Amino acid sequence: SKQWYQRRVRGNCMSEFMGLIFGNYEAKEEEFMPGGASLHSMMTPHGPDAQCFNGASTADLKPVRVADNTQAFMFESSLSLRTSKWARETCQKLDPNYWKCWQELPKNFDPSQK
């Protein structure tokens, strides 16, 4: 069975701001559109959606081209970042269901496995 997958779902000590300029982002491909951005605050889990995780977890382990015709950016900071009142309330572009993309991820952690 294929157990390897780059550990991209993580809760870490960095805040991450990511934006998509054009193209497709392999995680949340249907929802994350050009001009969109996401902010993940430090010490919160984040990473690809369940569909992307499952696809990468079961794919043949061979070189694959990703992100053709795509331009994205990511800023990481050890400082806490937050959104403005305009971003949270006025622009009405926040996705209140964003957290649901991780609900189908299986719980693979086994504390007894060493």
PDB file of N, CA and C in Angstrom:
ATOM      1  N   SER A   1       0.840  -1.183   0.000  1.00  0.00           N
ATOM      2  CA  SER A   1       0.000   0.000   0.000  1.00  0.00           C
ATOM      3  C   SER A   1       0.878   1.236   0.000  1.00  0.00           C
ATOM      4  N   LYS A   2       0.345   2.298  -0.529  1.00  0.00           N
ATOM      5  CA  LYS A   2       1.114   3.541  -0.628  1.00  0.00           C
ATOM      6  C   LYS A   2       0.860   4.381   0.609  1.00  0.00           C
ATOM      7  N   GLN A   3       1.854   4.597   1.408  1.00  0.00           N
ATOM      8  CA  GLN A   3       1.706   5.344   2.646  1.00  0.00           C
ATOM      9  C   GLN A   3       2.312   6.733   2.572  1.00  0.00           C
ATOM     10  N   TRP A   4       3.125   6.982   1.541  1.00  0.00           N
ATOM     11  CA  TRP A   4       3.863   8.242   1.499  1.00  0.00           C
ATOM     12  C   TRP A   4       3.010   9.361   0.953  1.00  0.00           C
ATOM     13  N   TYR A   5       3.084  10.491   1.554  1.00  0.00           N
ATOM     14  CA  TYR A   5       2.513  11.726   1.015  1.00  0.00           C
ATOM     15  C   TYR A   5       3.235  12.873   1.685  1.00  0.00           C
ATOM     16  N   GLN A   6       3.602  13.855   0.890  1.00  0.00           N
ATOM     17  CA  GLN A   6       4.260  15.021   1.473  1.00  0.00           C
ATOM     18  C   GLN A   6       3.332  15.604   2.522  1.00  0.00           C
ATOM     19  N   ARG A   7       3.828  15.772   3.713  1.00  0.00           N
ATOM     20  CA  ARG A   7       2.996  16.235   4.825  1.00  0.00           C
ATOM     21  C   ARG A   7       2.700  17.713   4.650  1.00  0.00           C
ATOM     22  N   ARG A   8       1.575  18.007   4.002  1.00  0.00           N
ATOM     23  CA  ARG A   8       1.231  19.395   3.733  1.00  0.00           C
ATOM     24  C   ARG A   8       0.104  19.876   4.636  1.00  0.00           C
ATOM     25  N   VAL A   9      -0.637  18.980   5.254  1.00  0.00           N
ATOM     26  CA  VAL A   9      -1.623  19.424   6.226  1.00  0.00           C
ATOM     27  C   VAL A   9      -0.870  19.558   7.529  1.00  0.00           C
ATOM     28  N   ARG A  10      -0.786  20.758   8.017  1.00  0.00           N
ATOM     29  CA  ARG A  10       0.087  20.979   9.149  1.00  0.00           C
ATOM     30  C   ARG A  10      -0.460  22.088  10.035  1.00  0.00           C
ATOM     31  N   GLY A  11      -0.116  22.023  11.286  1.00  0.00           N
ATOM     32  CA  GLY A  11      -0.354  23.127  12.199  1.00  0.00           C
ATOM     33  C   GLY A  11       1.039  23.586  12.588  1.00  0.00           C
ATOM     34  N   ASN A  12       1.442  24.743  12.159  1.00  0.00           N
ATOM     35  CA  ASN A  12       2.820  25.125  12.401  1.00  0.00           C
ATOM     36  C   ASN A  12       2.898  26.508  13.012  1.00  0.00           C
ATOM     37  N   CYS A  13       4.094  26.969  13.221  1.00  0.00           N
ATOM     38  CA  CYS A  13       4.296  28.241  13.914  1.00  0.00           C
ATOM     39  C   CYS A  13       4.415  29.413  12.953  1.00  0.00           C
ATOM     40  N   MET A  14       4.047  29.226  11.699  1.00  0.00           N
ATOM     41  CA  MET A  14       4.121  30.307  10.712  1.00  0.00           C
ATOM     42  C   MET A  14       2.712  30.706  10.265  1.00  0.00           C
ATOM     43  N   SER A  15       2.523  31.987  10.043  1.00  0.00           N
ATOM     44  CA  SER A  15       1.317  32.465   9.368  1.00  0.00           C
ATOM     45  C   SER A  15       1.604  32.431   7.874  1.00  0.00           C
ATOM     46  N   GLU A  16       0.605  32.074   7.094  1.00  0.00           N
ATOM     47  CA  GLU A  16       0.778  31.911   5.659  1.00  0.00           C
ATOM     48  C   GLU A  16      -0.291  32.697   4.916  1.00  0.00           C
ATOM     49  N   PHE A  17       0.130  33.553   3.999  1.00  0.00           N
ATOM     50  CA  PHE A  17      -0.797  34.257   3.117  1.00  0.00           C
ATOM     51  C   PHE A  17      -0.481  33.822   1.703  1.00  0.00           C
ATOM     52  N   MET A  18      -1.477  33.258   1.021  1.00  0.00           N
ATOM     53  CA  MET A  18      -1.264  32.743  -0.327  1.00  0.00           C
ATOM     54  C   MET A  18      -2.279  33.367  -1.263  1.00  0.00           C
ATOM     55  N   GLY A  19      -1.843  33.652  -2.487  1.00  0.00           N
ATOM     56  CA  GLY A  19      -2.742  34.181  -3.501  1.00  0.00           C
ATOM     57  C   GLY A  19      -2.508  33.512  -4.832  1.00  0.00           C
ATOM     58  N   LEU A  20      -3.543  33.466  -5.638  1.00  0.00           N
ATOM     59  CA  LEU A  20      -3.473  32.892  -6.974  1.00  0.00           C
ATOM     60  C   LEU A  20      -3.670  34.023  -7.982  1.00  0.00           C
ATOM     61  N   ILE A  21      -2.679  34.237  -8.826  1.00  0.00           N
ATOM     62  CA  ILE A  21      -2.746  35.303  -9.827  1.00  0.00           C
ATOM     63  C   ILE A  21      -3.482  34.797 -11.069  1.00  0.00           C
ATOM     64  N   PHE A  22      -3.057  33.647 -11.599  1.00  0.00           N
ATOM     65  CA  PHE A  22      -3.795  33.017 -12.692  1.00  0.00           C
ATOM     66  C   PHE A  22      -3.494  31.535 -12.684  1.00  0.00           C
ATOM     67  N   GLY A  23      -4.356  30.765 -13.364  1.00  0.00           N
ATOM     68  CA  GLY A  23      -4.187  29.322 -13.431  1.00  0.00           C
ATOM     69  C   GLY A  23      -5.033  28.603 -12.403  1.00  0.00           C
ATOM     70  N   ASN A  24      -4.557  27.402 -11.999  1.00  0.00           N
ATOM     71  CA  ASN A  24      -5.279  26.565 -11.044  1.00  0.00           C
ATOM     72  C   ASN A  24      -4.370  26.180  -9.891  1.00  0.00           C
ATOM     73  N   TYR A  25      -4.948  26.086  -8.726  1.00  0.00           N
ATOM     74  CA  TYR A  25      -4.241  25.590  -7.546  1.00  0.00           C
ATOM     75  C   TYR A  25      -4.776  24.200  -7.272  1.00  0.00           C
ATOM     76  N   GLU A  26      -3.897  23.202  -7.168  1.00  0.00           N
ATOM     77  CA  GLU A  26      -4.332  21.812  -7.105  1.00  0.00           C
ATOM     78  C   GLU A  26      -5.173  21.490  -5.880  1.00  0.00           C
ATOM     79  N   ALA A  27      -5.040  22.239  -4.819  1.00  0.00           N
ATOM     80  CA  ALA A  27      -5.887  22.037  -3.643  1.00  0.00           C
ATOM     81  C   ALA A  27      -7.023  23.053  -3.705  1.00  0.00           C
ATOM     82  N   LYS A  28      -8.207  22.596  -3.455  1.00  0.00           N
ATOM     83  CA  LYS A  28      -9.393  23.458  -3.523  1.00  0.00           C
ATOM     84  C   LYS A  28      -9.547  24.041  -4.929  1.00  0.00           C
ATOM     85  N   GLU A  29      -9.316  23.213  -5.924  1.00  0.00           N
ATOM     86  CA  GLU A  29      -9.267  23.668  -7.315  1.00  0.00           C
ATOM     87  C   GLU A  29     -10.567  24.322  -7.777  1.00  0.00           C
ATOM     88  N   GLU A  30     -11.700  23.850  -7.293  1.00  0.00           N
ATOM     89  CA  GLU A  30     -12.987  24.414  -7.711  1.00  0.00           C
ATOM     90  C   GLU A  30     -13.262  25.773  -7.060  1.00  0.00           C
ATOM     91  N   GLU A  31     -12.763  25.981  -5.840  1.00  0.00           N
ATOM     92  CA  GLU A  31     -13.102  27.186  -5.086  1.00  0.00           C
ATOM     93  C   GLU A  31     -12.036  28.277  -5.133  1.00  0.00           C
ATOM     94  N   PHE A  32     -10.779  27.895  -5.270  1.00  0.00           N
ATOM     95  CA  PHE A  32      -9.693  28.874  -5.180  1.00  0.00           C
ATOM     96  C   PHE A  32      -9.430  29.431  -6.570  1.00  0.00           C
ATOM     97  N   MET A  33     -10.009  30.578  -6.854  1.00  0.00           N
ATOM     98  CA  MET A  33      -9.987  31.157  -8.192  1.00  0.00           C
ATOM     99  C   MET A  33      -8.913  32.235  -8.310  1.00  0.00           C
ATOM    100  N   PRO A  34      -8.473  32.543  -9.537  1.00  0.00           N
ATOM    101  CA  PRO A  34      -7.524  33.653  -9.728  1.00  0.00           C
ATOM    102  C   PRO A  34      -8.062  34.936  -9.095  1.00  0.00           C
ATOM    103  N   GLY A  35      -7.184  35.638  -8.420  1.00  0.00           N
ATOM    104  CA  GLY A  35      -7.572  36.829  -7.674  1.00  0.00           C
ATOM    105  C   GLY A  35      -7.918  36.522  -6.240  1.00  0.00           C
ATOM    106  N   GLY A  36      -8.034  35.245  -5.906  1.00  0.00           N
ATOM    107  CA  GLY A  36      -8.366  34.829  -4.545  1.00  0.00           C
ATOM    108  C   GLY A  36      -7.120  34.712  -3.685  1.00  0.00           C
ATOM    109  N   ALA A  37      -7.334  34.697  -2.399  1.00  0.00           N
ATOM    110  CA  ALA A  37      -6.226  34.566  -1.452  1.00  0.00           C
ATOM    111  C   ALA A  37      -6.725  33.828  -0.226  1.00  0.00           C
ATOM    112  N   SER A  38      -5.797  33.285   0.535  1.00  0.00           N
ATOM    113  CA  SER A  38      -6.147  32.646   1.799  1.00  0.00           C
ATOM    114  C   SER A  38      -5.130  33.059   2.856  1.00  0.00           C
ATOM    115  N   LEU A  39      -5.591  33.129   4.070  1.00  0.00           N
ATOM    116  CA  LEU A  39      -4.740  33.465   5.209  1.00  0.00           C
ATOM    117  C   LEU A  39      -4.920  32.391   6.259  1.00  0.00           C
ATOM    118  N   HIS A  40      -3.819  31.751   6.618  1.00  0.00           N
ATOM    119  CA  HIS A  40      -3.833  30.757   7.684  1.00  0.00           C
ATOM    120  C   HIS A  40      -2.933  31.283   8.797  1.00  0.00           C
ATOM    121  N   SER A  41      -3.531  31.492   9.937  1.00  0.00           N
ATOM    122  CA  SER A  41      -2.782  32.033  11.062  1.00  0.00           C
ATOM    123  C   SER A  41      -1.898  30.973  11.682  1.00  0.00           C
ATOM    124  N   MET A  42      -0.891  31.439  12.397  1.00  0.00           N
ATOM    125  CA  MET A  42       0.035  30.513  13.034  1.00  0.00           C
ATOM    126  C   MET A  42      -0.696  29.567  13.983  1.00  0.00           C
ATOM    127  N   MET A  43      -0.148  28.385  14.092  1.00  0.00           N
ATOM    128  CA  MET A  43      -0.629  27.327  14.974  1.00  0.00           C
ATOM    129  C   MET A  43      -2.033  26.833  14.621  1.00  0.00           C
ATOM    130  N   THR A  44      -2.440  26.976  13.373  1.00  0.00           N
ATOM    131  CA  THR A  44      -3.704  26.409  12.911  1.00  0.00           C
ATOM    132  C   THR A  44      -3.419  25.412  11.800  1.00  0.00           C
ATOM    133  N   PRO A  45      -4.136  24.302  11.759  1.00  0.00           N
ATOM    134  CA  PRO A  45      -3.922  23.333  10.689  1.00  0.00           C
ATOM    135  C   PRO A  45      -4.328  23.923   9.349  1.00  0.00           C
ATOM    136  N   HIS A  46      -3.595  23.591   8.320  1.00  0.00           N
ATOM    137  CA  HIS A  46      -3.939  24.019   6.971  1.00  0.00           C
ATOM    138  C   HIS A  46      -3.218  23.149   5.968  1.00  0.00           C
ATOM    139  N   GLY A  47      -3.698  23.147   4.761  1.00  0.00           N
ATOM    140  CA  GLY A  47      -3.111  22.331   3.703  1.00  0.00           C
ATOM    141  C   GLY A  47      -4.144  22.036   2.650  1.00  0.00           C
ATOM    142  N   PRO A  48      -3.876  21.084   1.759  1.00  0.00           N
ATOM    143  CA  PRO A  48      -4.795  20.796   0.667  1.00  0.00           C
ATOM    144  C   PRO A  48      -6.094  20.167   1.169  1.00  0.00           C
ATOM    145  N   ASP A  49      -7.115  20.246   0.343  1.00  0.00           N
ATOM    146  CA  ASP A  49      -8.393  19.644   0.693  1.00  0.00           C
ATOM    147  C   ASP A  49      -8.297  18.121   0.629  1.00  0.00           C
ATOM    148  N   ALA A  50      -9.354  17.457   1.088  1.00  0.00           N
ATOM    149  CA  ALA A  50      -9.359  15.994   1.156  1.00  0.00           C
ATOM    150  C   ALA A  50      -9.163  15.363  -0.218  1.00  0.00           C
ATOM    151  N   GLN A  51      -9.796  15.912  -1.243  1.00  0.00           N
ATOM    152  CA  GLN A  51      -9.676  15.358  -2.592  1.00  0.00           C
ATOM    153  C   GLN A  51      -8.225  15.392  -3.073  1.00  0.00           C
ATOM    154  N   CYS A  52      -7.538  16.507  -2.883  1.00  0.00           N
ATOM    155  CA  CYS A  52      -6.143  16.636  -3.299  1.00  0.00           C
ATOM    156  C   CYS A  52      -5.252  15.685  -2.490  1.00  0.00           C
ATOM    157  N   PHE A  53      -5.480  15.620  -1.190  1.00  0.00           N
ATOM    158  CA  PHE A  53      -4.698  14.737  -0.321  1.00  0.00           C
ATOM    159  C   PHE A  53      -4.867  13.284  -0.743  1.00  0.00           C
ATOM    160  N   ASN A  54      -6.106  12.859  -0.947  1.00  0.00           N
ATOM    161  CA  ASN A  54      -6.356  11.468  -1.322  1.00  0.00           C
ATOM    162  C   ASN A  54      -5.773  11.139  -2.693  1.00  0.00           C
ATOM    163  N   GLY A  55      -5.876  12.068  -3.632  1.00  0.00           N
ATOM    164  CA  GLY A  55      -5.302  11.839  -4.954  1.00  0.00           C
ATOM    165  C   GLY A  55      -3.794  11.673  -4.896  1.00  0.00           C
ATOM    166  N   ALA A  56      -3.132  12.532  -4.148  1.00  0.00           N
ATOM    167  CA  ALA A  56      -1.673  12.449  -4.033  1.00  0.00           C
ATOM    168  C   ALA A  56      -1.245  11.224  -3.222  1.00  0.00           C
ATOM    169  N   SER A  57      -2.061  10.819  -2.277  1.00  0.00           N
ATOM    170  CA  SER A  57      -1.720   9.668  -1.434  1.00  0.00           C
ATOM    171  C   SER A  57      -1.812   8.349  -2.183  1.00  0.00           C
ATOM    172  N   THR A  58      -2.616   8.297  -3.235  1.00  0.00           N
ATOM    173  CA  THR A  58      -2.818   7.043  -3.960  1.00  0.00           C
ATOM    174  C   THR A  58      -2.201   7.049  -5.361  1.00  0.00           C
ATOM    175  N   ALA A  59      -1.617   8.148  -5.776  1.00  0.00           N
ATOM    176  CA  ALA A  59      -1.023   8.242  -7.112  1.00  0.00           C
ATOM    177  C   ALA A  59       0.262   7.427  -7.208  1.00  0.00           C
ATOM    178  N   ASP A  60       0.601   7.014  -8.413  1.00  0.00           N
ATOM    179  CA  ASP A  60       1.878   6.349  -8.641  1.00  0.00           C
ATOM    180  C   ASP A  60       2.997   7.319  -8.278  1.00  0.00           C
ATOM    181  N   LEU A  61       4.026   6.804  -7.635  1.00  0.00           N
ATOM    182  CA  LEU A  61       5.151   7.635  -7.221  1.00  0.00           C
ATOM    183  C   LEU A  61       6.115   7.792  -8.397  1.00  0.00           C
ATOM    184  N   LYS A  62       5.843   8.802  -9.202  1.00  0.00           N
ATOM    185  CA  LYS A  62       6.677   9.108 -10.354  1.00  0.00           C
ATOM    186  C   LYS A  62       6.617  10.619 -10.565  1.00  0.00           C
ATOM    187  N   PRO A  63       7.573  11.181 -11.270  1.00  0.00           N
ATOM    188  CA  PRO A  63       7.540  12.631 -11.510  1.00  0.00           C
ATOM    189  C   PRO A  63       6.262  13.043 -12.247  1.00  0.00           C
ATOM    190  N   VAL A  64       5.664  14.128 -11.790  1.00  0.00           N
ATOM    191  CA  VAL A  64       4.439  14.645 -12.388  1.00  0.00           C
ATOM    192  C   VAL A  64       4.569  16.160 -12.490  1.00  0.00           C
ATOM    193  N   ARG A  65       4.200  16.706 -13.624  1.00  0.00           N
ATOM    194  CA  ARG A  65       4.203  18.168 -13.776  1.00  0.00           C
ATOM    195  C   ARG A  65       2.988  18.731 -13.064  1.00  0.00           C
ATOM    196  N   VAL A  66       3.205  19.778 -12.303  1.00  0.00           N
ATOM    197  CA  VAL A  66       2.103  20.467 -11.632  1.00  0.00           C
ATOM    198  C   VAL A  66       2.232  21.958 -11.898  1.00  0.00           C
ATOM    199  N   ALA A  67       1.137  22.646 -11.763  1.00  0.00           N
ATOM    200  CA  ALA A  67       1.102  24.104 -11.824  1.00  0.00           C
ATOM    201  C   ALA A  67       1.509  24.681 -13.181  1.00  0.00           C
ATOM    202  N   ASP A  68       1.308  23.927 -14.274  1.00  0.00           N
ATOM    203  CA  ASP A  68       1.544  24.506 -15.598  1.00  0.00           C
ATOM    204  C   ASP A  68       0.580  25.669 -15.812  1.00  0.00           C
ATOM    205  N   ASN A  69       1.071  26.732 -16.413  1.00  0.00           N
ATOM    206  CA  ASN A  69       0.253  27.908 -16.707  1.00  0.00           C
ATOM    207  C   ASN A  69      -0.413  28.486 -15.460  1.00  0.00           C
ATOM    208  N   THR A  70       0.323  28.467 -14.360  1.00  0.00           N
ATOM    209  CA  THR A  70      -0.184  28.967 -13.086  1.00  0.00           C
ATOM    210  C   THR A  70       0.830  29.906 -12.468  1.00  0.00           C
ATOM    211  N   GLN A  71       0.353  30.969 -11.859  1.00  0.00           N
ATOM    212  CA  GLN A  71       1.215  31.883 -11.110  1.00  0.00           C
ATOM    213  C   GLN A  71       0.557  32.134  -9.758  1.00  0.00           C
ATOM    214  N   ALA A  72       1.239  31.714  -8.712  1.00  0.00           N
ATOM    215  CA  ALA A  72       0.743  31.899  -7.348  1.00  0.00           C
ATOM    216  C   ALA A  72       1.878  32.455  -6.495  1.00  0.00           C
ATOM    217  N   PHE A  73       1.536  32.918  -5.323  1.00  0.00           N
ATOM    218  CA  PHE A  73       2.558  33.399  -4.400  1.00  0.00           C
ATOM    219  C   PHE A  73       2.184  33.007  -2.977  1.00  0.00           C
ATOM    220  N   MET A  74       3.194  32.980  -2.110  1.00  0.00           N
ATOM    221  CA  MET A  74       2.963  32.700  -0.701  1.00  0.00           C
ATOM    222  C   MET A  74       3.957  33.499   0.124  1.00  0.00           C
ATOM    223  N   PHE A  75       3.442  34.131   1.150  1.00  0.00           N
ATOM    224  CA  PHE A  75       4.277  34.809   2.135  1.00  0.00           C
ATOM    225  C   PHE A  75       4.111  34.081   3.456  1.00  0.00           C
ATOM    226  N   GLU A  76       5.213  33.804   4.118  1.00  0.00           N
ATOM    227  CA  GLU A  76       5.168  33.214   5.450  1.00  0.00           C
ATOM    228  C   GLU A  76       5.806  34.175   6.432  1.00  0.00           C
ATOM    229  N   SER A  77       5.278  34.195   7.635  1.00  0.00           N
ATOM    230  CA  SER A  77       5.808  35.069   8.666  1.00  0.00           C
ATOM    231  C   SER A  77       5.692  34.385  10.021  1.00  0.00           C
ATOM    232  N   SER A  78       6.649  34.629  10.867  1.00  0.00           N
ATOM    233  CA  SER A  78       6.559  34.131  12.240  1.00  0.00           C
ATOM    234  C   SER A  78       5.665  35.044  13.081  1.00  0.00           C
ATOM    235  N   LEU A  79       5.236  36.157  12.486  1.00  0.00           N
ATOM    236  CA  LEU A  79       4.349  37.086  13.180  1.00  0.00           C
ATOM    237  C   LEU A  79       2.894  36.722  12.920  1.00  0.00           C
ATOM    238  N   SER A  80       2.043  37.096  13.830  1.00  0.00           N
ATOM    239  CA  SER A  80       0.616  36.855  13.663  1.00  0.00           C
ATOM    240  C   SER A  80       0.054  37.866  12.671  1.00  0.00           C
ATOM    241  N   LEU A  81      -0.674  37.389  11.684  1.00  0.00           N
ATOM    242  CA  LEU A  81      -1.326  38.259  10.705  1.00  0.00           C
ATOM    243  C   LEU A  81      -2.828  38.220  10.961  1.00  0.00           C
ATOM    244  N   ARG A  82      -3.501  39.286  10.617  1.00  0.00           N
ATOM    245  CA  ARG A  82      -4.948  39.268  10.753  1.00  0.00           C
ATOM    246  C   ARG A  82      -5.573  40.094   9.645  1.00  0.00           C
ATOM    247  N   THR A  83      -6.831  39.858   9.434  1.00  0.00           N
ATOM    248  CA  THR A  83      -7.552  40.570   8.394  1.00  0.00           C
ATOM    249  C   THR A  83      -8.128  41.868   8.945  1.00  0.00           C
ATOM    250  N   SER A  84      -8.394  42.782   8.045  1.00  0.00           N
ATOM    251  CA  SER A  84      -9.013  44.056   8.432  1.00  0.00           C
ATOM    252  C   SER A  84     -10.523  43.869   8.592  1.00  0.00           C
ATOM    253  N   LYS A  85     -11.169  44.854   9.181  1.00  0.00           N
ATOM    254  CA  LYS A  85     -12.623  44.822   9.307  1.00  0.00           C
ATOM    255  C   LYS A  85     -13.255  44.771   7.913  1.00  0.00           C
ATOM    256  N   TRP A  86     -12.695  45.502   6.955  1.00  0.00           N
ATOM    257  CA  TRP A  86     -13.214  45.488   5.596  1.00  0.00           C
ATOM    258  C   TRP A  86     -13.173  44.076   5.019  1.00  0.00           C
ATOM    259  N   ALA A  87     -12.051  43.384   5.205  1.00  0.00           N
ATOM    260  CA  ALA A  87     -11.913  42.027   4.664  1.00  0.00           C
ATOM    261  C   ALA A  87     -12.877  41.057   5.348  1.00  0.00           C
ATOM    262  N   ARG A  88     -13.068  41.212   6.645  1.00  0.00           N
ATOM    263  CA  ARG A  88     -13.937  40.298   7.385  1.00  0.00           C
ATOM    264  C   ARG A  88     -15.417  40.560   7.154  1.00  0.00           C
ATOM    265  N   GLU A  89     -15.809  41.817   7.016  1.00  0.00           N
ATOM    266  CA  GLU A  89     -17.234  42.144   7.032  1.00  0.00           C
ATOM    267  C   GLU A  89     -17.743  42.829   5.767  1.00  0.00           C
ATOM    268  N   THR A  90     -17.017  43.797   5.249  1.00  0.00           N
ATOM    269  CA  THR A  90     -17.542  44.642   4.184  1.00  0.00           C
ATOM    270  C   THR A  90     -17.493  43.998   2.808  1.00  0.00           C
ATOM    271  N   CYS A  91     -16.386  43.368   2.452  1.00  0.00           N
ATOM    272  CA  CYS A  91     -16.232  42.864   1.075  1.00  0.00           C
ATOM    273  C   CYS A  91     -17.138  41.681   0.766  1.00  0.00           C
ATOM    274  N   GLN A  92     -17.601  40.975   1.779  1.00  0.00           N
ATOM    275  CA  GLN A  92     -18.514  39.835   1.637  1.00  0.00           C
ATOM    276  C   GLN A  92     -17.977  38.762   0.693  1.00  0.00           C
ATOM    277  N   LYS A  93     -16.675  38.516   0.772  1.00  0.00           N
ATOM    278  CA  LYS A  93     -16.048  37.488  -0.057  1.00  0.00           C
ATOM    279  C   LYS A  93     -15.470  36.342   0.773  1.00  0.00           C
ATOM    280  N   LEU A  94     -15.587  36.396   2.093  1.00  0.00           N
ATOM    281  CA  LEU A  94     -15.068  35.318   2.926  1.00  0.00           C
ATOM    282  C   LEU A  94     -15.914  34.067   2.749  1.00  0.00           C
ATOM    283  N   ASP A  95     -15.275  32.928   2.776  1.00  0.00           N
ATOM    284  CA  ASP A  95     -15.974  31.651   2.653  1.00  0.00           C
ATOM    285  C   ASP A  95     -16.202  31.094   4.053  1.00  0.00           C
ATOM    286  N   PRO A  96     -17.429  31.183   4.579  1.00  0.00           N
ATOM    287  CA  PRO A  96     -17.677  30.710   5.943  1.00  0.00           C
ATOM    288  C   PRO A  96     -17.580  29.191   6.076  1.00  0.00           C
ATOM    289  N   ASN A  97     -17.560  28.483   4.952  1.00  0.00           N
ATOM    290  CA  ASN A  97     -17.480  27.019   4.976  1.00  0.00           C
ATOM    291  C   ASN A  97     -16.105  26.492   4.601  1.00  0.00           C
ATOM    292  N   TYR A  98     -15.118  27.362   4.596  1.00  0.00           N
ATOM    293  CA  TYR A  98     -13.758  26.988   4.183  1.00  0.00           C
ATOM    294  C   TYR A  98     -13.225  25.788   4.965  1.00  0.00           C
ATOM    295  N   TRP A  99     -13.515  25.735   6.238  1.00  0.00           N
ATOM    296  CA  TRP A  99     -13.024  24.674   7.121  1.00  0.00           C
ATOM    297  C   TRP A  99     -13.539  23.297   6.728  1.00  0.00           C
ATOM    298  N   LYS A 100     -14.645  23.225   6.015  1.00  0.00           N
ATOM    299  CA  LYS A 100     -15.258  21.932   5.700  1.00  0.00           C
ATOM    300  C   LYS A 100     -14.440  21.094   4.725  1.00  0.00           C
ATOM    301  N   CYS A 101     -13.516  21.714   3.980  1.00  0.00           N
ATOM    302  CA  CYS A 101     -12.746  20.948   2.985  1.00  0.00           C
ATOM    303  C   CYS A 101     -11.837  19.915   3.639  1.00  0.00           C
ATOM    304  N   TRP A 102     -11.610  20.008   4.938  1.00  0.00           N
ATOM    305  CA  TRP A 102     -10.743  19.058   5.637  1.00  0.00           C
ATOM    306  C   TRP A 102     -11.529  17.989   6.395  1.00  0.00           C
ATOM    307  N   GLN A 103     -12.849  18.077   6.419  1.00  0.00           N
ATOM    308  CA  GLN A 103     -13.642  17.160   7.237  1.00  0.00           C
ATOM    309  C   GLN A 103     -13.593  15.724   6.747  1.00  0.00           C
ATOM    310  N   GLU A 104     -13.339  15.514   5.471  1.00  0.00           N
ATOM    311  CA  GLU A 104     -13.292  14.146   4.934  1.00  0.00           C
ATOM    312  C   GLU A 104     -11.911  13.513   5.035  1.00  0.00           C
ATOM    313  N   LEU A 105     -10.929  14.248   5.541  1.00  0.00           N
ATOM    314  CA  LEU A 105      -9.592  13.663   5.701  1.00  0.00           C
ATOM    315  C   LEU A 105      -9.636  12.567   6.764  1.00  0.00           C
ATOM    316  N   PRO A 106      -9.102  11.400   6.449  1.00  0.00           N
ATOM    317  CA  PRO A 106      -9.098  10.328   7.452  1.00  0.00           C
ATOM    318  C   PRO A 106      -8.098  10.629   8.567  1.00  0.00           C
ATOM    319  N   LYS A 107      -8.374  10.098   9.724  1.00  0.00           N
ATOM    320  CA  LYS A 107      -7.444  10.227  10.851  1.00  0.00           C
ATOM    321  C   LYS A 107      -6.437   9.089  10.739  1.00  0.00           C
ATOM    322  N   ASN A 108      -5.237   9.397  10.269  1.00  0.00           N
ATOM    323  CA  ASN A 108      -4.207   8.387  10.028  1.00  0.00           C
ATOM    324  C   ASN A 108      -3.193   8.273  11.156  1.00  0.00           C
ATOM    325  N   PHE A 109      -3.246   9.177  12.097  1.00  0.00           N
ATOM    326  CA  PHE A 109      -2.248   9.162  13.173  1.00  0.00           C
ATOM    327  C   PHE A 109      -2.512   7.988  14.117  1.00  0.00           C
ATOM    328  N   ASP A 110      -1.489   7.217  14.360  1.00  0.00           N
ATOM    329  CA  ASP A 110      -1.562   6.109  15.293  1.00  0.00           C
ATOM    330  C   ASP A 110      -0.449   6.286  16.315  1.00  0.00           C
ATOM    331  N   PRO A 111      -0.778   6.745  17.526  1.00  0.00           N
ATOM    332  CA  PRO A 111       0.273   7.018  18.514  1.00  0.00           C
ATOM    333  C   PRO A 111       1.046   5.770  18.955  1.00  0.00           C
ATOM    334  N   SER A 112       0.492   4.593  18.705  1.00  0.00           N
ATOM    335  CA  SER A 112       1.199   3.376  19.100  1.00  0.00           C
ATOM    336  C   SER A 112       2.230   2.936  18.070  1.00  0.00           C
ATOM    337  N   GLN A 113       2.161   3.483  16.870  1.00  0.00           N
ATOM    338  CA  GLN A 113       3.105   3.116  15.823  1.00  0.00           C
ATOM    339  C   GLN A 113       4.381   3.912  16.004  1.00  0.00           C
ATOM    340  N   LYS A 114       5.509   3.214  16.067  1.00  0.00           N
ATOM    341  CA  LYS A 114       6.786   3.890  16.277  1.00  0.00           C
ATOM    342  C   LYS A 114       7.747   3.538  15.187  1.00  0.00           C
TER     343      LYS A 114
END
